[in-house]
Amino acid sequence: MSAIADKNKIRFSCPHCGGQLDVPVYLAGVEGPCPLCSGTIRAPESQAAADEIARLAALTAPPVESDPPGSPAATSPQEAQPSDPPEAPQAPRRHRTRPRR
């Protein structure tokens, strides 16, 4: 459970940006924009509900695996992308002229 000094607030994370939010208890269950990312959020009904949501999110989050050195995901973006092929020279443009009368 998250320890929070002020019992008049509910602490929870935005599901869009992960930012930590503290809202007054009178906003429990109210939907509105996240002040950090503007995504639509709904404040949990209570601090216990917020703690349960955080616990379940941690259980369902995919495990973080580190990629072995030298794998494509572990290389820098410049190393992972092939170099651009050289540009082919362009033929000179011919100007269209009007036929003479």
Protein backbone atom coordinates (compact mmCIF):
# COMPACT_ATOMS: atom_id res chain seq x y z
CA MET A 1 0.00 0.00 0.00
CA SER A 2 1.20 3.46 -0.65
CA ALA A 3 1.84 5.53 2.42
CA ILE A 4 0.37 8.98 2.09
CA ALA A 5 0.59 11.60 4.81
CA ASP A 6 -2.61 13.42 3.89
CA LYS A 7 -5.69 11.22 4.42
CA ASN A 8 -7.76 13.75 2.46
CA LYS A 9 -6.06 12.83 -0.82
CA ILE A 10 -5.92 9.79 -3.08
CA ARG A 11 -2.61 8.98 -4.77
CA PHE A 12 -2.63 7.07 -8.05
CA SER A 13 -0.83 6.83 -11.39
CA CYS A 14 -2.10 8.10 -14.72
CA PRO A 15 -2.63 5.06 -16.99
CA HIS A 16 -1.46 7.11 -20.01
CA CYS A 17 1.76 8.79 -18.85
CA GLY A 18 2.49 7.02 -15.55
CA GLY A 19 2.64 10.31 -13.67
CA GLN A 20 1.89 10.25 -9.93
CA LEU A 21 -1.24 12.21 -9.06
CA ASP A 22 -2.69 13.30 -5.73
CA VAL A 23 -6.36 14.28 -5.85
CA PRO A 24 -8.68 15.38 -3.04
CA VAL A 25 -11.03 12.63 -1.81
CA TYR A 26 -14.06 14.63 -2.94
CA LEU A 27 -12.92 13.95 -6.54
CA ALA A 28 -13.07 10.17 -6.01
CA GLY A 29 -14.72 8.55 -9.04
CA VAL A 30 -14.66 11.78 -11.06
CA GLU A 31 -13.40 11.73 -14.64
CA GLY A 32 -11.24 14.50 -16.04
CA PRO A 33 -7.99 15.34 -17.84
CA CYS A 34 -4.61 14.36 -16.45
CA PRO A 35 -2.78 17.59 -15.55
CA LEU A 36 0.46 16.10 -16.91
CA CYS A 37 -0.53 14.60 -20.28
CA SER A 38 -4.18 15.68 -20.77
CA GLY A 39 -5.29 12.05 -21.17
CA THR A 40 -8.73 11.21 -19.77
CA ILE A 41 -8.49 9.67 -16.29
CA ARG A 42 -10.91 8.68 -13.56
CA ALA A 43 -9.85 9.08 -9.93
CA PRO A 44 -10.21 5.83 -7.95
CA GLU A 45 -13.08 5.58 -5.45
CA SER A 46 -10.67 5.33 -2.51
CA GLN A 47 -6.98 4.98 -1.63
CA ALA A 48 -7.56 1.24 -1.15
CA ALA A 49 -8.93 1.03 -4.71
CA ALA A 50 -5.91 2.97 -6.01
CA ASP A 51 -3.55 0.60 -4.21
CA GLU A 52 -5.35 -2.43 -5.66
CA ILE A 53 -5.17 -0.98 -9.18
CA ALA A 54 -1.43 -0.39 -8.76
CA ARG A 55 -0.93 -3.93 -7.42
CA LEU A 56 -2.83 -5.48 -10.34
CA ALA A 57 -0.98 -3.33 -12.87
CA ALA A 58 2.34 -4.54 -11.46
CA LEU A 59 1.20 -8.18 -11.74
CA THR A 60 0.03 -7.85 -15.34
CA ALA A 61 2.93 -5.74 -16.63
CA PRO A 62 5.13 -7.65 -19.07
CA PRO A 63 8.53 -8.60 -17.65
CA VAL A 64 11.41 -6.38 -18.64
CA GLU A 65 14.05 -8.40 -20.45
CA SER A 66 17.47 -7.07 -21.21
CA ASP A 67 18.72 -7.74 -24.70
CA PRO A 68 22.05 -9.56 -25.01
CA PRO A 69 24.95 -7.40 -26.20
CA GLY A 70 25.22 -7.27 -29.96
CA SER A 71 21.54 -7.99 -30.59
CA PRO A 72 19.72 -5.58 -32.94
CA ALA A 73 17.74 -4.06 -30.04
CA ALA A 74 20.94 -3.45 -28.03
CA THR A 75 22.79 -1.62 -30.79
CA SER A 76 22.63 2.10 -31.28
CA PRO A 77 20.14 3.45 -33.85
CA GLN A 78 22.97 4.38 -36.23
CA GLU A 79 24.39 0.85 -36.09
CA ALA A 80 21.00 -0.79 -36.52
CA GLN A 81 19.99 1.17 -39.62
CA PRO A 82 21.65 0.45 -42.96
CA SER A 83 23.46 3.35 -44.53
CA ASP A 84 21.58 5.30 -47.15
CA PRO A 85 22.48 4.31 -50.71
CA PRO A 86 24.20 7.04 -52.69
CA GLU A 87 21.86 9.17 -54.73
CA ALA A 88 21.86 8.47 -58.45
CA PRO A 89 22.91 11.42 -60.58
CA GLN A 90 19.98 13.13 -62.21
CA ALA A 91 19.85 13.69 -65.93
CA PRO A 92 19.89 17.32 -67.00
CA ARG A 93 16.46 18.77 -67.58
CA ARG A 94 15.52 19.63 -71.10
CA HIS A 95 13.60 22.81 -71.62
CA ARG A 96 10.59 22.51 -73.82
CA THR A 97 10.67 24.98 -76.63
CA ARG A 98 7.87 26.12 -78.87
CA PRO A 99 8.12 25.21 -82.52
CA ARG A 100 9.11 28.14 -84.71
CA ARG A 101 6.59 29.42 -87.20
